[in-house]
Each structure stands twice: as structure tokens, then as C-alpha cells.
Amino acid sequence: MLAPSAFTHTSPELLPILQDLRSREPIFHRPGEPTTMAPTYWEVGASGRRYSRQFILKHLAASPPLDALQAGWKTSDHAVVRLSADTFLFTYTLQQPQRLTRRATIWQQTPSGWQVLFHQGTIVTTDQDDVAPRQS
């Protein structure tokens, strides 16, 4: 039997958290379900640009999020790792019609519910892992 992938393995005790966080991603793409961002939230978009919480809120106010399910977005390779007692790294792959990205979101469980601390998306050109890029 093969060992679970380091990229997609979630410890059994974290499976309920994995399921909870899966229902919240992809972030910002669930109309009518606001995501709670920490006051210090920021992200690195798939473009490599950095975005502040204020920028994201302004953008969402001007252009409401699309429905990820209706847009045909699919997620896979979900995993969660505990970073501290109440903070978790949630990773997944997002397949959109025009691109494939790896996503990482840091979530914190607070007395008032989940908060997003940080998010990053990275465009990938292949679905292969642990393969060295070609030398030119």
C-alpha cells in the first residue's frame, strides 16, 4: 500500500476540520455567504500581486463574487494541517475552465467562528508534483 501523499494527507483527528473548511472554499466565491477576514488579512493572488483586506472588500462591494459551482470550478487534493491550537493551513487544487491553481489559506478558529488570516493562489502549468522543471 502506498503512503499517503504529503501534499494531500490529513491526520484522522483533523478530518472534521477539513470538511468544515472545504465547505468554505474557494473563498470569496459564495454569493450571500460573507467570509470573515481578520483585520490583518492579506493575500497573494495567482498573478503574484499582493492584495490588502481593504482592497478585497472594496472590490467585492463593486463586483459581487460569482458562484463557483455555477462557474464550473472544481476543487481537489484537499488537506489541512494544524499550525497552532486554533490555526490551520488548508490547501487544495482549484480547476477553473481557464487555469489550474494551487491554493493555500490560513484559517483561525475564534469564539465567533472561522476567520481567514491569509490566502495565496499559484498558477501551475502541470498537475505533476515533485518533478524538477526542465533546464533550458
N, C-alpha and C. Protein backbone atom coordinates (compact mmCIF):
# COMPACT_ATOMS: atom_id res chain seq x y z
N MET A 1 0.85 -1.19 0.00
CA MET A 1 0.00 0.00 0.00
C MET A 1 0.88 1.24 0.00
N LEU A 2 0.55 2.21 -0.82
CA LEU A 2 1.32 3.44 -0.91
C LEU A 2 1.05 4.33 0.29
N ALA A 3 2.08 5.04 0.72
CA ALA A 3 1.91 6.00 1.81
C ALA A 3 1.11 7.18 1.29
N PRO A 4 0.32 7.83 2.15
CA PRO A 4 -0.44 8.99 1.68
C PRO A 4 0.49 10.11 1.24
N SER A 5 0.06 10.84 0.24
CA SER A 5 0.86 11.96 -0.26
C SER A 5 1.02 13.01 0.82
N ALA A 6 2.22 13.53 0.96
CA ALA A 6 2.46 14.61 1.91
C ALA A 6 1.64 15.84 1.56
N PHE A 7 1.27 15.96 0.28
CA PHE A 7 0.53 17.13 -0.17
C PHE A 7 -0.96 17.06 0.15
N THR A 8 -1.49 15.86 0.28
CA THR A 8 -2.93 15.72 0.46
C THR A 8 -3.31 14.94 1.71
N HIS A 9 -2.35 14.64 2.55
CA HIS A 9 -2.65 13.86 3.76
C HIS A 9 -3.18 14.77 4.87
N THR A 10 -4.25 14.32 5.50
CA THR A 10 -4.81 14.99 6.67
C THR A 10 -4.90 13.96 7.78
N SER A 11 -4.40 14.30 8.96
CA SER A 11 -4.48 13.39 10.10
C SER A 11 -5.95 13.11 10.40
N PRO A 12 -6.25 11.87 10.79
CA PRO A 12 -7.65 11.50 11.05
C PRO A 12 -8.37 12.42 12.04
N GLU A 13 -7.67 12.90 13.06
CA GLU A 13 -8.34 13.77 14.04
C GLU A 13 -8.72 15.13 13.47
N LEU A 14 -8.14 15.49 12.31
CA LEU A 14 -8.45 16.78 11.68
C LEU A 14 -9.51 16.67 10.57
N LEU A 15 -10.01 15.47 10.32
CA LEU A 15 -10.99 15.30 9.24
C LEU A 15 -12.25 16.16 9.42
N PRO A 16 -12.79 16.32 10.65
CA PRO A 16 -13.95 17.22 10.78
C PRO A 16 -13.60 18.67 10.40
N ILE A 17 -12.41 19.12 10.73
CA ILE A 17 -11.99 20.48 10.36
C ILE A 17 -11.81 20.56 8.85
N LEU A 18 -11.23 19.53 8.26
CA LEU A 18 -11.08 19.50 6.80
C LEU A 18 -12.44 19.67 6.12
N GLN A 19 -13.43 18.92 6.58
CA GLN A 19 -14.76 19.01 5.96
C GLN A 19 -15.36 20.40 6.15
N ASP A 20 -15.18 20.97 7.33
CA ASP A 20 -15.71 22.31 7.59
C ASP A 20 -15.06 23.35 6.68
N LEU A 21 -13.73 23.28 6.57
CA LEU A 21 -13.03 24.26 5.72
C LEU A 21 -13.31 24.03 4.24
N ARG A 22 -13.48 22.78 3.82
CA ARG A 22 -13.84 22.52 2.42
C ARG A 22 -15.12 23.23 2.04
N SER A 23 -16.06 23.31 2.98
CA SER A 23 -17.34 23.95 2.68
C SER A 23 -17.20 25.46 2.56
N ARG A 24 -16.07 26.02 2.98
CA ARG A 24 -15.86 27.48 2.95
C ARG A 24 -15.02 27.93 1.76
N GLU A 25 -14.47 27.02 1.01
CA GLU A 25 -13.59 27.38 -0.10
C GLU A 25 -14.26 27.07 -1.42
N PRO A 26 -13.88 27.70 -2.54
CA PRO A 26 -12.92 28.78 -2.60
C PRO A 26 -13.47 30.04 -1.96
N ILE A 27 -12.61 30.72 -1.23
CA ILE A 27 -13.05 31.91 -0.50
C ILE A 27 -13.51 32.98 -1.48
N PHE A 28 -14.43 33.79 -1.02
CA PHE A 28 -14.98 34.94 -1.74
C PHE A 28 -15.83 34.57 -2.95
N HIS A 29 -16.14 33.32 -3.15
CA HIS A 29 -16.90 32.95 -4.33
C HIS A 29 -18.20 32.24 -3.96
N ARG A 30 -18.81 32.71 -2.90
CA ARG A 30 -20.09 32.18 -2.47
C ARG A 30 -21.03 33.36 -2.20
N PRO A 31 -21.76 33.78 -3.23
CA PRO A 31 -22.66 34.92 -3.05
C PRO A 31 -23.58 34.70 -1.85
N GLY A 32 -23.77 35.75 -1.07
CA GLY A 32 -24.66 35.67 0.08
C GLY A 32 -24.03 35.05 1.31
N GLU A 33 -22.80 34.58 1.22
CA GLU A 33 -22.11 33.99 2.36
C GLU A 33 -20.81 34.75 2.57
N PRO A 34 -20.86 35.83 3.34
CA PRO A 34 -19.63 36.61 3.52
C PRO A 34 -18.56 35.82 4.27
N THR A 35 -17.35 35.99 3.85
CA THR A 35 -16.21 35.38 4.52
C THR A 35 -15.66 36.38 5.52
N THR A 36 -15.41 35.92 6.73
CA THR A 36 -14.87 36.80 7.75
C THR A 36 -13.36 36.85 7.62
N MET A 37 -12.86 38.01 7.27
CA MET A 37 -11.42 38.21 7.16
C MET A 37 -10.91 38.87 8.42
N ALA A 38 -9.80 38.40 8.92
CA ALA A 38 -9.16 39.02 10.07
C ALA A 38 -8.78 40.46 9.70
N PRO A 39 -8.71 41.36 10.67
CA PRO A 39 -8.33 42.74 10.37
C PRO A 39 -6.97 42.85 9.68
N THR A 40 -6.09 41.88 9.90
CA THR A 40 -4.76 41.90 9.30
C THR A 40 -4.66 41.05 8.02
N TYR A 41 -5.80 40.58 7.51
CA TYR A 41 -5.83 39.71 6.33
C TYR A 41 -5.12 40.36 5.14
N TRP A 42 -4.42 39.51 4.38
CA TRP A 42 -3.89 39.91 3.07
C TRP A 42 -3.73 38.65 2.25
N GLU A 43 -3.52 38.81 0.96
CA GLU A 43 -3.35 37.65 0.09
C GLU A 43 -2.37 37.94 -1.02
N VAL A 44 -1.89 36.85 -1.60
CA VAL A 44 -1.08 36.91 -2.81
C VAL A 44 -1.91 36.21 -3.87
N GLY A 45 -2.31 36.95 -4.88
CA GLY A 45 -3.12 36.39 -5.95
C GLY A 45 -2.31 35.51 -6.88
N ALA A 46 -3.00 34.78 -7.72
CA ALA A 46 -2.33 33.90 -8.68
C ALA A 46 -1.41 34.70 -9.61
N SER A 47 -1.68 36.00 -9.74
CA SER A 47 -0.84 36.87 -10.57
C SER A 47 0.49 37.21 -9.88
N GLY A 48 0.56 36.95 -8.58
CA GLY A 48 1.73 37.33 -7.81
C GLY A 48 1.55 38.67 -7.11
N ARG A 49 0.46 39.37 -7.42
CA ARG A 49 0.19 40.65 -6.77
C ARG A 49 -0.29 40.42 -5.34
N ARG A 50 0.04 41.38 -4.46
CA ARG A 50 -0.45 41.33 -3.08
C ARG A 50 -1.69 42.22 -2.97
N TYR A 51 -2.65 41.74 -2.19
CA TYR A 51 -3.90 42.46 -2.01
C TYR A 51 -4.20 42.59 -0.52
N SER A 52 -4.58 43.79 -0.10
CA SER A 52 -4.94 44.04 1.29
C SER A 52 -6.41 43.70 1.53
N ARG A 53 -6.75 43.57 2.78
CA ARG A 53 -8.15 43.35 3.17
C ARG A 53 -9.03 44.47 2.63
N GLN A 54 -8.58 45.72 2.75
CA GLN A 54 -9.35 46.87 2.28
C GLN A 54 -9.60 46.80 0.77
N PHE A 55 -8.58 46.41 0.01
CA PHE A 55 -8.73 46.29 -1.43
C PHE A 55 -9.76 45.22 -1.77
N ILE A 56 -9.66 44.06 -1.11
CA ILE A 56 -10.59 42.95 -1.38
C ILE A 56 -12.02 43.38 -1.07
N LEU A 57 -12.24 44.02 0.08
CA LEU A 57 -13.59 44.45 0.46
C LEU A 57 -14.14 45.46 -0.54
N LYS A 58 -13.31 46.39 -0.99
CA LYS A 58 -13.74 47.39 -1.98
C LYS A 58 -14.10 46.70 -3.30
N HIS A 59 -13.27 45.75 -3.71
CA HIS A 59 -13.51 45.02 -4.96
C HIS A 59 -14.81 44.20 -4.86
N LEU A 60 -15.03 43.53 -3.74
CA LEU A 60 -16.24 42.73 -3.58
C LEU A 60 -17.50 43.60 -3.56
N ALA A 61 -17.39 44.80 -3.00
CA ALA A 61 -18.53 45.72 -2.98
C ALA A 61 -18.88 46.18 -4.39
N ALA A 62 -17.87 46.39 -5.22
CA ALA A 62 -18.09 46.86 -6.59
C ALA A 62 -18.45 45.73 -7.54
N SER A 63 -17.98 44.53 -7.26
CA SER A 63 -18.19 43.39 -8.15
C SER A 63 -18.46 42.15 -7.31
N PRO A 64 -19.72 41.86 -7.04
CA PRO A 64 -20.04 40.70 -6.20
C PRO A 64 -19.43 39.41 -6.75
N PRO A 65 -19.08 38.49 -5.86
CA PRO A 65 -18.44 37.25 -6.30
C PRO A 65 -19.37 36.40 -7.15
N LEU A 66 -18.78 35.67 -8.07
CA LEU A 66 -19.56 34.74 -8.86
C LEU A 66 -19.77 33.47 -8.05
N ASP A 67 -20.68 32.67 -8.49
CA ASP A 67 -20.94 31.39 -7.83
C ASP A 67 -19.98 30.36 -8.42
N ALA A 68 -19.05 29.87 -7.60
CA ALA A 68 -18.01 28.95 -8.08
C ALA A 68 -18.61 27.67 -8.66
N LEU A 69 -19.67 27.18 -8.05
CA LEU A 69 -20.30 25.95 -8.52
C LEU A 69 -20.92 26.16 -9.90
N GLN A 70 -21.64 27.27 -10.06
CA GLN A 70 -22.25 27.58 -11.36
C GLN A 70 -21.20 27.84 -12.44
N ALA A 71 -20.05 28.38 -12.03
CA ALA A 71 -18.99 28.67 -13.00
C ALA A 71 -18.23 27.42 -13.41
N GLY A 72 -18.52 26.30 -12.77
CA GLY A 72 -17.85 25.05 -13.14
C GLY A 72 -16.50 24.83 -12.49
N TRP A 73 -16.23 25.58 -11.43
CA TRP A 73 -14.96 25.40 -10.73
C TRP A 73 -15.00 24.11 -9.93
N LYS A 74 -13.88 23.40 -9.93
CA LYS A 74 -13.77 22.13 -9.19
C LYS A 74 -12.54 22.18 -8.30
N THR A 75 -12.69 21.68 -7.08
CA THR A 75 -11.56 21.62 -6.17
C THR A 75 -11.21 20.16 -5.91
N SER A 76 -9.95 19.92 -5.61
CA SER A 76 -9.47 18.56 -5.32
C SER A 76 -8.23 18.65 -4.43
N ASP A 77 -7.72 17.51 -4.04
CA ASP A 77 -6.47 17.43 -3.26
C ASP A 77 -6.53 18.24 -1.97
N HIS A 78 -7.67 18.23 -1.31
CA HIS A 78 -7.87 18.99 -0.07
C HIS A 78 -7.05 18.39 1.06
N ALA A 79 -6.45 19.26 1.86
CA ALA A 79 -5.70 18.81 3.04
C ALA A 79 -5.68 19.93 4.06
N VAL A 80 -5.55 19.53 5.32
CA VAL A 80 -5.43 20.52 6.39
C VAL A 80 -4.35 20.07 7.35
N VAL A 81 -3.59 21.06 7.83
CA VAL A 81 -2.52 20.84 8.79
C VAL A 81 -2.72 21.84 9.92
N ARG A 82 -2.56 21.38 11.15
CA ARG A 82 -2.67 22.28 12.30
C ARG A 82 -1.37 23.07 12.44
N LEU A 83 -1.48 24.40 12.50
CA LEU A 83 -0.31 25.26 12.69
C LEU A 83 -0.14 25.65 14.16
N SER A 84 -1.25 25.79 14.87
CA SER A 84 -1.25 26.07 16.31
C SER A 84 -2.58 25.55 16.85
N ALA A 85 -2.84 25.78 18.11
CA ALA A 85 -4.05 25.24 18.73
C ALA A 85 -5.32 25.61 17.97
N ASP A 86 -5.38 26.83 17.41
CA ASP A 86 -6.60 27.28 16.74
C ASP A 86 -6.39 27.75 15.30
N THR A 87 -5.24 27.46 14.73
CA THR A 87 -4.90 27.95 13.39
C THR A 87 -4.53 26.78 12.49
N PHE A 88 -5.04 26.81 11.25
CA PHE A 88 -4.89 25.68 10.33
C PHE A 88 -4.52 26.16 8.93
N LEU A 89 -3.68 25.39 8.26
CA LEU A 89 -3.35 25.62 6.86
C LEU A 89 -4.21 24.67 6.04
N PHE A 90 -5.02 25.23 5.17
CA PHE A 90 -5.89 24.45 4.30
C PHE A 90 -5.38 24.61 2.87
N THR A 91 -5.09 23.50 2.21
CA THR A 91 -4.57 23.54 0.84
C THR A 91 -5.48 22.73 -0.08
N TYR A 92 -5.49 23.13 -1.35
CA TYR A 92 -6.29 22.41 -2.34
C TYR A 92 -5.86 22.86 -3.73
N THR A 93 -6.34 22.14 -4.71
CA THR A 93 -6.14 22.49 -6.11
C THR A 93 -7.47 23.00 -6.65
N LEU A 94 -7.42 24.09 -7.40
CA LEU A 94 -8.63 24.66 -7.99
C LEU A 94 -8.52 24.58 -9.51
N GLN A 95 -9.48 23.88 -10.13
CA GLN A 95 -9.54 23.78 -11.59
C GLN A 95 -10.64 24.70 -12.07
N GLN A 96 -10.24 25.75 -12.78
CA GLN A 96 -11.19 26.65 -13.42
C GLN A 96 -11.10 26.39 -14.92
N PRO A 97 -12.10 26.77 -15.68
CA PRO A 97 -12.03 26.50 -17.12
C PRO A 97 -10.76 27.01 -17.78
N GLN A 98 -10.25 28.15 -17.32
CA GLN A 98 -9.10 28.76 -17.98
C GLN A 98 -7.76 28.51 -17.31
N ARG A 99 -7.75 27.93 -16.08
CA ARG A 99 -6.47 27.73 -15.42
C ARG A 99 -6.56 26.74 -14.26
N LEU A 100 -5.37 26.25 -13.88
CA LEU A 100 -5.22 25.35 -12.74
C LEU A 100 -4.36 26.07 -11.71
N THR A 101 -4.83 26.12 -10.46
CA THR A 101 -4.05 26.79 -9.42
C THR A 101 -3.98 25.93 -8.17
N ARG A 102 -2.90 26.09 -7.43
CA ARG A 102 -2.77 25.51 -6.09
C ARG A 102 -3.14 26.64 -5.14
N ARG A 103 -3.90 26.31 -4.11
CA ARG A 103 -4.39 27.32 -3.18
C ARG A 103 -3.98 26.96 -1.75
N ALA A 104 -3.68 27.97 -0.97
CA ALA A 104 -3.35 27.80 0.44
C ALA A 104 -4.02 28.92 1.23
N THR A 105 -4.78 28.54 2.24
CA THR A 105 -5.48 29.51 3.07
C THR A 105 -5.19 29.20 4.52
N ILE A 106 -4.85 30.22 5.29
CA ILE A 106 -4.66 30.05 6.72
C ILE A 106 -5.93 30.52 7.41
N TRP A 107 -6.56 29.60 8.13
CA TRP A 107 -7.81 29.85 8.84
C TRP A 107 -7.56 29.79 10.35
N GLN A 108 -8.28 30.63 11.07
CA GLN A 108 -8.20 30.60 12.54
C GLN A 108 -9.60 30.44 13.11
N GLN A 109 -9.70 29.52 14.06
CA GLN A 109 -10.97 29.28 14.75
C GLN A 109 -11.04 30.24 15.93
N THR A 110 -12.06 31.11 15.94
CA THR A 110 -12.21 32.10 17.00
C THR A 110 -13.53 31.83 17.73
N PRO A 111 -13.74 32.45 18.88
CA PRO A 111 -15.02 32.27 19.58
C PRO A 111 -16.23 32.66 18.73
N SER A 112 -16.05 33.57 17.77
CA SER A 112 -17.17 33.98 16.92
C SER A 112 -17.21 33.22 15.59
N GLY A 113 -16.34 32.26 15.40
CA GLY A 113 -16.33 31.47 14.16
C GLY A 113 -14.99 31.53 13.45
N TRP A 114 -14.96 31.02 12.22
CA TRP A 114 -13.74 30.98 11.43
C TRP A 114 -13.40 32.35 10.87
N GLN A 115 -12.10 32.65 10.84
CA GLN A 115 -11.58 33.86 10.21
C GLN A 115 -10.45 33.46 9.26
N VAL A 116 -10.38 34.15 8.14
CA VAL A 116 -9.28 33.95 7.20
C VAL A 116 -8.17 34.92 7.57
N LEU A 117 -6.95 34.39 7.72
CA LEU A 117 -5.79 35.22 8.02
C LEU A 117 -4.99 35.57 6.76
N PHE A 118 -4.89 34.59 5.85
CA PHE A 118 -4.03 34.75 4.67
C PHE A 118 -4.50 33.78 3.60
N HIS A 119 -4.30 34.16 2.34
CA HIS A 119 -4.63 33.28 1.21
C HIS A 119 -3.61 33.49 0.10
N GLN A 120 -3.28 32.40 -0.60
CA GLN A 120 -2.41 32.51 -1.77
C GLN A 120 -2.86 31.53 -2.83
N GLY A 121 -2.83 32.00 -4.08
CA GLY A 121 -3.09 31.15 -5.23
C GLY A 121 -1.88 31.18 -6.14
N THR A 122 -1.51 30.02 -6.67
CA THR A 122 -0.35 29.93 -7.55
C THR A 122 -0.75 29.16 -8.80
N ILE A 123 -0.59 29.78 -9.96
CA ILE A 123 -0.89 29.11 -11.22
C ILE A 123 0.14 28.01 -11.46
N VAL A 124 -0.34 26.86 -11.88
CA VAL A 124 0.57 25.76 -12.23
C VAL A 124 0.31 25.36 -13.68
N THR A 125 1.37 24.88 -14.32
CA THR A 125 1.23 24.52 -15.73
C THR A 125 1.10 23.02 -15.93
N THR A 126 1.24 22.27 -14.85
CA THR A 126 1.08 20.83 -14.93
C THR A 126 0.52 20.33 -13.62
N ASP A 127 -0.13 19.20 -13.66
CA ASP A 127 -0.70 18.64 -12.43
C ASP A 127 0.28 17.68 -11.78
N GLN A 128 1.55 17.75 -12.15
CA GLN A 128 2.57 16.87 -11.59
C GLN A 128 3.27 17.55 -10.42
N ASP A 129 3.59 16.76 -9.40
CA ASP A 129 4.32 17.26 -8.26
C ASP A 129 5.66 16.56 -8.17
N ASP A 130 6.59 17.14 -7.44
CA ASP A 130 7.91 16.56 -7.23
C ASP A 130 8.63 16.22 -8.53
N VAL A 131 8.42 17.07 -9.54
CA VAL A 131 9.11 16.90 -10.82
C VAL A 131 9.91 18.18 -11.05
N ALA A 132 11.20 18.04 -11.24
CA ALA A 132 12.05 19.21 -11.47
C ALA A 132 11.70 19.85 -12.80
N PRO A 133 11.67 21.18 -12.86
CA PRO A 133 11.41 21.84 -14.15
C PRO A 133 12.53 21.55 -15.13
N ARG A 134 12.19 21.59 -16.39
CA ARG A 134 13.17 21.36 -17.45
C ARG A 134 14.23 22.46 -17.42
N GLN A 135 15.46 22.06 -17.67
CA GLN A 135 16.56 23.02 -17.82
C GLN A 135 16.54 23.54 -19.24
N SER A 136 16.67 24.86 -19.42
CA SER A 136 16.69 25.38 -20.79
C SER A 136 18.07 25.45 -21.34
